[in-house]
Amino acid sequence: MRIQILPLPAVMVGDDLEEPFALVFDQAEEGVNKELLYEFAKQCGSRTHLIVSQTVEIVDRDAELQPAPVVNISDMTIKDPDAAKIGAAFRAAFERLRDKDQWRW
């Protein structure tokens, strides 16, 4: 399973510009713990999430056909060096979720 970030349209909230995003969990196997992924997405600040068994490639509209940041859950390797902060947040969230009986938000 992979995690990708899907940028959503920016929103002005007062004087602040919010840049919301959705998490896309693709290549998910049957029986994946959807509640755990929902909690993970919520903890990361995602507006929504998508869980699919197919492969989904997200392309940044402004990039020159470069793939969106991808995190490989199996070894938590950051595929895009610009995604270091996002990867650190993912690692921290997964560490909190590793033991499902201990929710520490």
PDB file of N, CA and C in Angstrom:
ATOM      1  N   MET A   1       0.856  -1.176   0.000  1.00  0.00           N
ATOM      2  CA  MET A   1       0.000   0.000   0.000  1.00  0.00           C
ATOM      3  C   MET A   1       0.897   1.232   0.000  1.00  0.00           C
ATOM      4  N   ARG A   2       0.450   2.242  -0.706  1.00  0.00           N
ATOM      5  CA  ARG A   2       1.166   3.517  -0.754  1.00  0.00           C
ATOM      6  C   ARG A   2       0.259   4.620  -0.224  1.00  0.00           C
ATOM      7  N   ILE A   3       0.886   5.722   0.176  1.00  0.00           N
ATOM      8  CA  ILE A   3       0.150   6.929   0.560  1.00  0.00           C
ATOM      9  C   ILE A   3       0.605   8.040  -0.377  1.00  0.00           C
ATOM     10  N   GLN A   4      -0.362   8.743  -0.955  1.00  0.00           N
ATOM     11  CA  GLN A   4      -0.050   9.906  -1.775  1.00  0.00           C
ATOM     12  C   GLN A   4      -0.875  11.087  -1.272  1.00  0.00           C
ATOM     13  N   ILE A   5      -0.396  12.264  -1.576  1.00  0.00           N
ATOM     14  CA  ILE A   5      -1.077  13.482  -1.159  1.00  0.00           C
ATOM     15  C   ILE A   5      -1.725  14.119  -2.381  1.00  0.00           C
ATOM     16  N   LEU A   6      -3.014  14.357  -2.278  1.00  0.00           N
ATOM     17  CA  LEU A   6      -3.767  15.008  -3.347  1.00  0.00           C
ATOM     18  C   LEU A   6      -4.091  16.428  -2.893  1.00  0.00           C
ATOM     19  N   PRO A   7      -3.399  17.437  -3.436  1.00  0.00           N
ATOM     20  CA  PRO A   7      -3.708  18.818  -3.052  1.00  0.00           C
ATOM     21  C   PRO A   7      -5.120  19.190  -3.492  1.00  0.00           C
ATOM     22  N   LEU A   8      -5.828  19.857  -2.616  1.00  0.00           N
ATOM     23  CA  LEU A   8      -7.172  20.345  -2.921  1.00  0.00           C
ATOM     24  C   LEU A   8      -7.091  21.851  -3.157  1.00  0.00           C
ATOM     25  N   PRO A   9      -8.106  22.459  -3.739  1.00  0.00           N
ATOM     26  CA  PRO A   9      -8.064  23.907  -3.984  1.00  0.00           C
ATOM     27  C   PRO A   9      -7.846  24.698  -2.689  1.00  0.00           C
ATOM     28  N   ALA A  10      -6.982  25.705  -2.770  1.00  0.00           N
ATOM     29  CA  ALA A  10      -6.696  26.560  -1.619  1.00  0.00           C
ATOM     30  C   ALA A  10      -7.943  27.348  -1.230  1.00  0.00           C
ATOM     31  N   VAL A  11      -8.014  27.661   0.071  1.00  0.00           N
ATOM     32  CA  VAL A  11      -9.182  28.356   0.619  1.00  0.00           C
ATOM     33  C   VAL A  11      -8.692  29.520   1.479  1.00  0.00           C
ATOM     34  N   MET A  12      -9.292  30.689   1.290  1.00  0.00           N
ATOM     35  CA  MET A  12      -8.983  31.833   2.151  1.00  0.00           C
ATOM     36  C   MET A  12      -9.878  31.775   3.382  1.00  0.00           C
ATOM     37  N   VAL A  13      -9.247  31.797   4.560  1.00  0.00           N
ATOM     38  CA  VAL A  13      -9.972  31.833   5.828  1.00  0.00           C
ATOM     39  C   VAL A  13      -9.490  33.081   6.549  1.00  0.00           C
ATOM     40  N   GLY A  14     -10.295  34.131   6.477  1.00  0.00           N
ATOM     41  CA  GLY A  14      -9.855  35.416   7.012  1.00  0.00           C
ATOM     42  C   GLY A  14      -8.682  35.911   6.189  1.00  0.00           C
ATOM     43  N   ASP A  15      -7.555  36.179   6.862  1.00  0.00           N
ATOM     44  CA  ASP A  15      -6.347  36.616   6.170  1.00  0.00           C
ATOM     45  C   ASP A  15      -5.417  35.456   5.833  1.00  0.00           C
ATOM     46  N   ASP A  16      -5.798  34.257   6.229  1.00  0.00           N
ATOM     47  CA  ASP A  16      -4.936  33.090   6.035  1.00  0.00           C
ATOM     48  C   ASP A  16      -5.344  32.289   4.805  1.00  0.00           C
ATOM     49  N   LEU A  17      -4.355  31.761   4.129  1.00  0.00           N
ATOM     50  CA  LEU A  17      -4.586  30.886   2.983  1.00  0.00           C
ATOM     51  C   LEU A  17      -4.359  29.448   3.440  1.00  0.00           C
ATOM     52  N   GLU A  18      -5.406  28.641   3.428  1.00  0.00           N
ATOM     53  CA  GLU A  18      -5.287  27.229   3.789  1.00  0.00           C
ATOM     54  C   GLU A  18      -5.097  26.411   2.525  1.00  0.00           C
ATOM     55  N   GLU A  19      -4.221  25.435   2.609  1.00  0.00           N
ATOM     56  CA  GLU A  19      -3.970  24.542   1.481  1.00  0.00           C
ATOM     57  C   GLU A  19      -4.360  23.126   1.886  1.00  0.00           C
ATOM     58  N   PRO A  20      -5.641  22.802   1.791  1.00  0.00           N
ATOM     59  CA  PRO A  20      -6.110  21.486   2.223  1.00  0.00           C
ATOM     60  C   PRO A  20      -5.613  20.378   1.286  1.00  0.00           C
ATOM     61  N   PHE A  21      -5.657  19.160   1.802  1.00  0.00           N
ATOM     62  CA  PHE A  21      -5.225  18.016   1.013  1.00  0.00           C
ATOM     63  C   PHE A  21      -6.041  16.790   1.400  1.00  0.00           C
ATOM     64  N   ALA A  22      -6.006  15.811   0.522  1.00  0.00           N
ATOM     65  CA  ALA A  22      -6.613  14.507   0.784  1.00  0.00           C
ATOM     66  C   ALA A  22      -5.498  13.474   0.722  1.00  0.00           C
ATOM     67  N   LEU A  23      -5.626  12.421   1.508  1.00  0.00           N
ATOM     68  CA  LEU A  23      -4.682  11.313   1.424  1.00  0.00           C
ATOM     69  C   LEU A  23      -5.283  10.233   0.539  1.00  0.00           C
ATOM     70  N   VAL A  24      -4.461   9.687  -0.337  1.00  0.00           N
ATOM     71  CA  VAL A  24      -4.887   8.591  -1.204  1.00  0.00           C
ATOM     72  C   VAL A  24      -4.070   7.362  -0.818  1.00  0.00           C
ATOM     73  N   PHE A  25      -4.750   6.351  -0.322  1.00  0.00           N
ATOM     74  CA  PHE A  25      -4.128   5.070   0.004  1.00  0.00           C
ATOM     75  C   PHE A  25      -4.421   4.155  -1.179  1.00  0.00           C
ATOM     76  N   ASP A  26      -3.422   3.912  -2.020  1.00  0.00           N
ATOM     77  CA  ASP A  26      -3.674   3.046  -3.170  1.00  0.00           C
ATOM     78  C   ASP A  26      -2.918   1.728  -3.008  1.00  0.00           C
ATOM     79  N   GLN A  27      -3.215   0.792  -3.887  1.00  0.00           N
ATOM     80  CA  GLN A  27      -2.667  -0.560  -3.827  1.00  0.00           C
ATOM     81  C   GLN A  27      -3.000  -1.225  -2.492  1.00  0.00           C
ATOM     82  N   ALA A  28      -4.144  -0.870  -1.928  1.00  0.00           N
ATOM     83  CA  ALA A  28      -4.565  -1.427  -0.635  1.00  0.00           C
ATOM     84  C   ALA A  28      -5.082  -2.850  -0.833  1.00  0.00           C
ATOM     85  N   GLU A  29      -4.672  -3.728   0.046  1.00  0.00           N
ATOM     86  CA  GLU A  29      -5.121  -5.113  -0.020  1.00  0.00           C
ATOM     87  C   GLU A  29      -6.485  -5.251   0.638  1.00  0.00           C
ATOM     88  N   GLU A  30      -7.200  -6.278   0.236  1.00  0.00           N
ATOM     89  CA  GLU A  30      -8.500  -6.552   0.841  1.00  0.00           C
ATOM     90  C   GLU A  30      -8.298  -6.822   2.336  1.00  0.00           C
ATOM     91  N   GLY A  31      -9.190  -6.304   3.136  1.00  0.00           N
ATOM     92  CA  GLY A  31      -9.109  -6.505   4.579  1.00  0.00           C
ATOM     93  C   GLY A  31      -8.295  -5.447   5.306  1.00  0.00           C
ATOM     94  N   VAL A  32      -7.855  -4.412   4.594  1.00  0.00           N
ATOM     95  CA  VAL A  32      -7.098  -3.343   5.236  1.00  0.00           C
ATOM     96  C   VAL A  32      -7.976  -2.698   6.315  1.00  0.00           C
ATOM     97  N   ASN A  33      -7.363  -2.277   7.401  1.00  0.00           N
ATOM     98  CA  ASN A  33      -8.094  -1.670   8.511  1.00  0.00           C
ATOM     99  C   ASN A  33      -8.471  -0.233   8.130  1.00  0.00           C
ATOM    100  N   LYS A  34      -9.669  -0.069   7.602  1.00  0.00           N
ATOM    101  CA  LYS A  34     -10.116   1.240   7.117  1.00  0.00           C
ATOM    102  C   LYS A  34     -10.280   2.244   8.246  1.00  0.00           C
ATOM    103  N   GLU A  35     -10.707   1.787   9.411  1.00  0.00           N
ATOM    104  CA  GLU A  35     -10.863   2.708  10.548  1.00  0.00           C
ATOM    105  C   GLU A  35      -9.516   3.273  10.971  1.00  0.00           C
ATOM    106  N   LEU A  36      -8.483   2.443  10.954  1.00  0.00           N
ATOM    107  CA  LEU A  36      -7.150   2.894  11.327  1.00  0.00           C
ATOM    108  C   LEU A  36      -6.637   3.933  10.328  1.00  0.00           C
ATOM    109  N   LEU A  37      -6.863   3.682   9.040  1.00  0.00           N
ATOM    110  CA  LEU A  37      -6.446   4.649   8.022  1.00  0.00           C
ATOM    111  C   LEU A  37      -7.239   5.946   8.136  1.00  0.00           C
ATOM    112  N   TYR A  38      -8.522   5.854   8.471  1.00  0.00           N
ATOM    113  CA  TYR A  38      -9.343   7.053   8.686  1.00  0.00           C
ATOM    114  C   TYR A  38      -8.762   7.886   9.828  1.00  0.00           C
ATOM    115  N   GLU A  39      -8.441   7.233  10.938  1.00  0.00           N
ATOM    116  CA  GLU A  39      -7.876   7.953  12.087  1.00  0.00           C
ATOM    117  C   GLU A  39      -6.521   8.555  11.734  1.00  0.00           C
ATOM    118  N   PHE A  40      -5.726   7.815  10.970  1.00  0.00           N
ATOM    119  CA  PHE A  40      -4.421   8.318  10.545  1.00  0.00           C
ATOM    120  C   PHE A  40      -4.582   9.574   9.688  1.00  0.00           C
ATOM    121  N   ALA A  41      -5.479   9.519   8.705  1.00  0.00           N
ATOM    122  CA  ALA A  41      -5.717  10.668   7.825  1.00  0.00           C
ATOM    123  C   ALA A  41      -6.199  11.870   8.628  1.00  0.00           C
ATOM    124  N   LYS A  42      -7.087  11.625   9.579  1.00  0.00           N
ATOM    125  CA  LYS A  42      -7.609  12.699  10.425  1.00  0.00           C
ATOM    126  C   LYS A  42      -6.486  13.323  11.252  1.00  0.00           C
ATOM    127  N   GLN A  43      -5.625  12.473  11.821  1.00  0.00           N
ATOM    128  CA  GLN A  43      -4.517  12.960  12.641  1.00  0.00           C
ATOM    129  C   GLN A  43      -3.529  13.794  11.814  1.00  0.00           C
ATOM    130  N   CYS A  44      -3.352  13.445  10.555  1.00  0.00           N
ATOM    131  CA  CYS A  44      -2.440  14.188   9.668  1.00  0.00           C
ATOM    132  C   CYS A  44      -3.029  15.513   9.203  1.00  0.00           C
ATOM    133  N   GLY A  45      -4.311  15.739   9.457  1.00  0.00           N
ATOM    134  CA  GLY A  45      -4.946  16.983   9.036  1.00  0.00           C
ATOM    135  C   GLY A  45      -5.583  16.913   7.662  1.00  0.00           C
ATOM    136  N   SER A  46      -5.729  15.721   7.141  1.00  0.00           N
ATOM    137  CA  SER A  46      -6.333  15.540   5.822  1.00  0.00           C
ATOM    138  C   SER A  46      -7.814  15.892   5.859  1.00  0.00           C
ATOM    139  N   ARG A  47      -8.300  16.546   4.805  1.00  0.00           N
ATOM    140  CA  ARG A  47      -9.728  16.871   4.721  1.00  0.00           C
ATOM    141  C   ARG A  47     -10.561  15.626   4.463  1.00  0.00           C
ATOM    142  N   THR A  48      -9.997  14.688   3.698  1.00  0.00           N
ATOM    143  CA  THR A  48     -10.683  13.437   3.381  1.00  0.00           C
ATOM    144  C   THR A  48      -9.630  12.424   2.964  1.00  0.00           C
ATOM    145  N   HIS A  49     -10.068  11.219   2.649  1.00  0.00           N
ATOM    146  CA  HIS A  49      -9.130  10.202   2.195  1.00  0.00           C
ATOM    147  C   HIS A  49      -9.827   9.255   1.229  1.00  0.00           C
ATOM    148  N   LEU A  50      -9.013   8.525   0.485  1.00  0.00           N
ATOM    149  CA  LEU A  50      -9.515   7.573  -0.492  1.00  0.00           C
ATOM    150  C   LEU A  50      -8.697   6.300  -0.346  1.00  0.00           C
ATOM    151  N   ILE A  51      -9.374   5.158  -0.237  1.00  0.00           N
ATOM    152  CA  ILE A  51      -8.706   3.864  -0.134  1.00  0.00           C
ATOM    153  C   ILE A  51      -9.121   3.043  -1.347  1.00  0.00           C
ATOM    154  N   VAL A  52      -8.143   2.659  -2.175  1.00  0.00           N
ATOM    155  CA  VAL A  52      -8.444   1.889  -3.385  1.00  0.00           C
ATOM    156  C   VAL A  52      -7.434   0.755  -3.554  1.00  0.00           C
ATOM    157  N   SER A  53      -7.868  -0.304  -4.206  1.00  0.00           N
ATOM    158  CA  SER A  53      -6.962  -1.423  -4.473  1.00  0.00           C
ATOM    159  C   SER A  53      -6.122  -1.174  -5.726  1.00  0.00           C
ATOM    160  N   GLN A  54      -6.594  -0.318  -6.613  1.00  0.00           N
ATOM    161  CA  GLN A  54      -5.867  -0.013  -7.844  1.00  0.00           C
ATOM    162  C   GLN A  54      -4.705   0.946  -7.567  1.00  0.00           C
ATOM    163  N   THR A  55      -3.859   1.105  -8.580  1.00  0.00           N
ATOM    164  CA  THR A  55      -2.768   2.073  -8.502  1.00  0.00           C
ATOM    165  C   THR A  55      -3.270   3.420  -9.005  1.00  0.00           C
ATOM    166  N   VAL A  56      -3.036   4.459  -8.225  1.00  0.00           N
ATOM    167  CA  VAL A  56      -3.445   5.815  -8.579  1.00  0.00           C
ATOM    168  C   VAL A  56      -2.187   6.676  -8.628  1.00  0.00           C
ATOM    169  N   GLU A  57      -1.983   7.345  -9.734  1.00  0.00           N
ATOM    170  CA  GLU A  57      -0.846   8.263  -9.853  1.00  0.00           C
ATOM    171  C   GLU A  57      -1.377   9.688  -9.830  1.00  0.00           C
ATOM    172  N   ILE A  58      -0.936  10.453  -8.872  1.00  0.00           N
ATOM    173  CA  ILE A  58      -1.367  11.843  -8.729  1.00  0.00           C
ATOM    174  C   ILE A  58      -0.287  12.730  -9.332  1.00  0.00           C
ATOM    175  N   VAL A  59      -0.681  13.581 -10.248  1.00  0.00           N
ATOM    176  CA  VAL A  59       0.257  14.471 -10.928  1.00  0.00           C
ATOM    177  C   VAL A  59      -0.056  15.902 -10.519  1.00  0.00           C
ATOM    178  N   ASP A  60       0.963  16.623 -10.089  1.00  0.00           N
ATOM    179  CA  ASP A  60       0.824  18.033  -9.730  1.00  0.00           C
ATOM    180  C   ASP A  60       0.623  18.842 -11.008  1.00  0.00           C
ATOM    181  N   ARG A  61      -0.413  19.646 -11.025  1.00  0.00           N
ATOM    182  CA  ARG A  61      -0.718  20.439 -12.225  1.00  0.00           C
ATOM    183  C   ARG A  61       0.417  21.377 -12.612  1.00  0.00           C
ATOM    184  N   ASP A  62       1.161  21.877 -11.623  1.00  0.00           N
ATOM    185  CA  ASP A  62       2.210  22.850 -11.894  1.00  0.00           C
ATOM    186  C   ASP A  62       3.569  22.208 -12.172  1.00  0.00           C
ATOM    187  N   ALA A  63       3.706  20.941 -11.877  1.00  0.00           N
ATOM    188  CA  ALA A  63       4.987  20.263 -12.063  1.00  0.00           C
ATOM    189  C   ALA A  63       5.155  19.827 -13.515  1.00  0.00           C
ATOM    190  N   GLU A  64       6.391  19.566 -13.872  1.00  0.00           N
ATOM    191  CA  GLU A  64       6.676  19.085 -15.218  1.00  0.00           C
ATOM    192  C   GLU A  64       6.620  17.560 -15.219  1.00  0.00           C
ATOM    193  N   LEU A  65       5.424  17.015 -15.059  1.00  0.00           N
ATOM    194  CA  LEU A  65       5.168  15.581 -15.054  1.00  0.00           C
ATOM    195  C   LEU A  65       6.000  14.824 -14.034  1.00  0.00           C
ATOM    196  N   GLN A  66       6.225  15.436 -12.867  1.00  0.00           N
ATOM    197  CA  GLN A  66       6.904  14.755 -11.778  1.00  0.00           C
ATOM    198  C   GLN A  66       5.847  14.169 -10.861  1.00  0.00           C
ATOM    199  N   PRO A  67       6.069  12.960 -10.330  1.00  0.00           N
ATOM    200  CA  PRO A  67       5.063  12.358  -9.454  1.00  0.00           C
ATOM    201  C   PRO A  67       4.926  13.118  -8.142  1.00  0.00           C
ATOM    202  N   ALA A  68       3.742  13.033  -7.582  1.00  0.00           N
ATOM    203  CA  ALA A  68       3.483  13.638  -6.275  1.00  0.00           C
ATOM    204  C   ALA A  68       4.303  12.904  -5.223  1.00  0.00           C
ATOM    205  N   PRO A  69       4.553  13.539  -4.052  1.00  0.00           N
ATOM    206  CA  PRO A  69       5.294  12.849  -2.996  1.00  0.00           C
ATOM    207  C   PRO A  69       4.622  11.527  -2.638  1.00  0.00           C
ATOM    208  N   VAL A  70       5.437  10.482  -2.521  1.00  0.00           N
ATOM    209  CA  VAL A  70       4.927   9.148  -2.205  1.00  0.00           C
ATOM    210  C   VAL A  70       5.684   8.612  -1.010  1.00  0.00           C
ATOM    211  N   VAL A  71       4.970   8.028  -0.067  1.00  0.00           N
ATOM    212  CA  VAL A  71       5.582   7.390   1.083  1.00  0.00           C
ATOM    213  C   VAL A  71       5.275   5.912   1.003  1.00  0.00           C
ATOM    214  N   ASN A  72       6.298   5.068   1.052  1.00  0.00           N
ATOM    215  CA  ASN A  72       6.109   3.627   1.062  1.00  0.00           C
ATOM    216  C   ASN A  72       5.914   3.194   2.506  1.00  0.00           C
ATOM    217  N   ILE A  73       4.718   2.732   2.842  1.00  0.00           N
ATOM    218  CA  ILE A  73       4.390   2.392   4.220  1.00  0.00           C
ATOM    219  C   ILE A  73       5.236   1.239   4.734  1.00  0.00           C
ATOM    220  N   SER A  74       5.579   0.286   3.877  1.00  0.00           N
ATOM    221  CA  SER A  74       6.286  -0.900   4.347  1.00  0.00           C
ATOM    222  C   SER A  74       7.637  -0.573   4.962  1.00  0.00           C
ATOM    223  N   ASP A  75       8.355   0.408   4.416  1.00  0.00           N
ATOM    224  CA  ASP A  75       9.646   0.751   5.012  1.00  0.00           C
ATOM    225  C   ASP A  75       9.760   2.235   5.347  1.00  0.00           C
ATOM    226  N   MET A  76       8.670   2.976   5.147  1.00  0.00           N
ATOM    227  CA  MET A  76       8.597   4.399   5.463  1.00  0.00           C
ATOM    228  C   MET A  76       9.729   5.184   4.789  1.00  0.00           C
ATOM    229  N   THR A  77      10.050   4.841   3.556  1.00  0.00           N
ATOM    230  CA  THR A  77      11.064   5.540   2.784  1.00  0.00           C
ATOM    231  C   THR A  77      10.420   6.689   2.027  1.00  0.00           C
ATOM    232  N   ILE A  78      10.980   7.866   2.172  1.00  0.00           N
ATOM    233  CA  ILE A  78      10.469   9.024   1.451  1.00  0.00           C
ATOM    234  C   ILE A  78      11.006   8.958   0.023  1.00  0.00           C
ATOM    235  N   LYS A  79      10.110   8.991  -0.955  1.00  0.00           N
ATOM    236  CA  LYS A  79      10.507   8.913  -2.356  1.00  0.00           C
ATOM    237  C   LYS A  79      10.816  10.294  -2.926  1.00  0.00           C
ATOM    238  N   ASP A  80      10.374  11.343  -2.287  1.00  0.00           N
ATOM    239  CA  ASP A  80      10.568  12.702  -2.779  1.00  0.00           C
ATOM    240  C   ASP A  80      11.212  13.501  -1.650  1.00  0.00           C
ATOM    241  N   PRO A  81      12.441  14.015  -1.834  1.00  0.00           N
ATOM    242  CA  PRO A  81      13.103  14.735  -0.745  1.00  0.00           C
ATOM    243  C   PRO A  81      12.337  15.961  -0.268  1.00  0.00           C
ATOM    244  N   ASP A  82      11.485  16.541  -1.112  1.00  0.00           N
ATOM    245  CA  ASP A  82      10.698  17.695  -0.691  1.00  0.00           C
ATOM    246  C   ASP A  82       9.600  17.307   0.282  1.00  0.00           C
ATOM    247  N   ALA A  83       9.361  16.023   0.450  1.00  0.00           N
ATOM    248  CA  ALA A  83       8.279  15.554   1.312  1.00  0.00           C
ATOM    249  C   ALA A  83       8.784  15.177   2.705  1.00  0.00           C
ATOM    250  N   ALA A  84       9.962  15.645   3.091  1.00  0.00           N
ATOM    251  CA  ALA A  84      10.547  15.248   4.371  1.00  0.00           C
ATOM    252  C   ALA A  84       9.647  15.587   5.556  1.00  0.00           C
ATOM    253  N   LYS A  85       9.070  16.778   5.570  1.00  0.00           N
ATOM    254  CA  LYS A  85       8.201  17.158   6.688  1.00  0.00           C
ATOM    255  C   LYS A  85       6.960  16.282   6.729  1.00  0.00           C
ATOM    256  N   ILE A  86       6.398  16.001   5.564  1.00  0.00           N
ATOM    257  CA  ILE A  86       5.214  15.146   5.506  1.00  0.00           C
ATOM    258  C   ILE A  86       5.582  13.746   5.969  1.00  0.00           C
ATOM    259  N   GLY A  87       6.719  13.256   5.524  1.00  0.00           N
ATOM    260  CA  GLY A  87       7.166  11.923   5.935  1.00  0.00           C
ATOM    261  C   GLY A  87       7.371  11.832   7.437  1.00  0.00           C
ATOM    262  N   ALA A  88       7.935  12.879   8.032  1.00  0.00           N
ATOM    263  CA  ALA A  88       8.132  12.889   9.482  1.00  0.00           C
ATOM    264  C   ALA A  88       6.792  12.844  10.205  1.00  0.00           C
ATOM    265  N   ALA A  89       5.808  13.575   9.687  1.00  0.00           N
ATOM    266  CA  ALA A  89       4.472  13.541  10.294  1.00  0.00           C
ATOM    267  C   ALA A  89       3.851  12.159  10.151  1.00  0.00           C
ATOM    268  N   PHE A  90       4.027  11.524   8.983  1.00  0.00           N
ATOM    269  CA  PHE A  90       3.507  10.172   8.782  1.00  0.00           C
ATOM    270  C   PHE A  90       4.153   9.197   9.762  1.00  0.00           C
ATOM    271  N   ARG A  91       5.485   9.289   9.885  1.00  0.00           N
ATOM    272  CA  ARG A  91       6.178   8.374  10.800  1.00  0.00           C
ATOM    273  C   ARG A  91       5.659   8.544  12.231  1.00  0.00           C
ATOM    274  N   ALA A  92       5.532   9.795  12.661  1.00  0.00           N
ATOM    275  CA  ALA A  92       5.061  10.056  14.022  1.00  0.00           C
ATOM    276  C   ALA A  92       3.653   9.518  14.221  1.00  0.00           C
ATOM    277  N   ALA A  93       2.785   9.733  13.230  1.00  0.00           N
ATOM    278  CA  ALA A  93       1.413   9.228  13.344  1.00  0.00           C
ATOM    279  C   ALA A  93       1.395   7.709  13.370  1.00  0.00           C
ATOM    280  N   PHE A  94       2.203   7.069  12.539  1.00  0.00           N
ATOM    281  CA  PHE A  94       2.234   5.609  12.536  1.00  0.00           C
ATOM    282  C   PHE A  94       2.795   5.064  13.845  1.00  0.00           C
ATOM    283  N   GLU A  95       3.780   5.738  14.424  1.00  0.00           N
ATOM    284  CA  GLU A  95       4.306   5.292  15.708  1.00  0.00           C
ATOM    285  C   GLU A  95       3.220   5.332  16.774  1.00  0.00           C
ATOM    286  N   ARG A  96       2.378   6.378  16.744  1.00  0.00           N
ATOM    287  CA  ARG A  96       1.281   6.464  17.708  1.00  0.00           C
ATOM    288  C   ARG A  96       0.234   5.389  17.452  1.00  0.00           C
ATOM    289  N   LEU A  97       0.049   5.023  16.180  1.00  0.00           N
ATOM    290  CA  LEU A  97      -0.988   4.054  15.830  1.00  0.00           C
ATOM    291  C   LEU A  97      -0.491   2.609  15.849  1.00  0.00           C
ATOM    292  N   ARG A  98       0.797   2.407  16.019  1.00  0.00           N
ATOM    293  CA  ARG A  98       1.358   1.058  15.958  1.00  0.00           C
ATOM    294  C   ARG A  98       0.667   0.115  16.936  1.00  0.00           C
ATOM    295  N   ASP A  99       0.461   0.566  18.136  1.00  0.00           N
ATOM    296  CA  ASP A  99      -0.255  -0.239  19.119  1.00  0.00           C
ATOM    297  C   ASP A  99      -1.685   0.283  19.166  1.00  0.00           C
ATOM    298  N   LYS A 100      -2.607  -0.433  18.520  1.00  0.00           N
ATOM    299  CA  LYS A 100      -3.988   0.040  18.367  1.00  0.00           C
ATOM    300  C   LYS A 100      -4.695   0.246  19.698  1.00  0.00           C
ATOM    301  N   ASP A 101      -4.212  -0.367  20.769  1.00  0.00           N
ATOM    302  CA  ASP A 101      -4.867  -0.224  22.069  1.00  0.00           C
ATOM    303  C   ASP A 101      -4.455   1.057  22.784  1.00  0.00           C
ATOM    304  N   GLN A 102      -3.479   1.766  22.262  1.00  0.00           N
ATOM    305  CA  GLN A 102      -3.002   2.981  22.938  1.00  0.00           C
ATOM    306  C   GLN A 102      -3.135   4.173  21.998  1.00  0.00           C
ATOM    307  N   TRP A 103      -4.282   4.803  22.018  1.00  0.00           N
ATOM    308  CA  TRP A 103      -4.521   5.989  21.189  1.00  0.00           C
ATOM    309  C   TRP A 103      -4.070   7.207  21.968  1.00  0.00           C
ATOM    310  N   ARG A 104      -3.074   7.908  21.461  1.00  0.00           N
ATOM    311  CA  ARG A 104      -2.572   9.118  22.128  1.00  0.00           C
ATOM    312  C   ARG A 104      -2.583  10.257  21.133  1.00  0.00           C
ATOM    313  N   TRP A 105      -3.664  10.977  21.065  1.00  0.00           N
ATOM    314  CA  TRP A 105      -3.781  12.063  20.089  1.00  0.00           C
ATOM    315  C   TRP A 105      -3.382  13.334  20.735  1.00  0.00           C
TER     316      TRP A 105
END
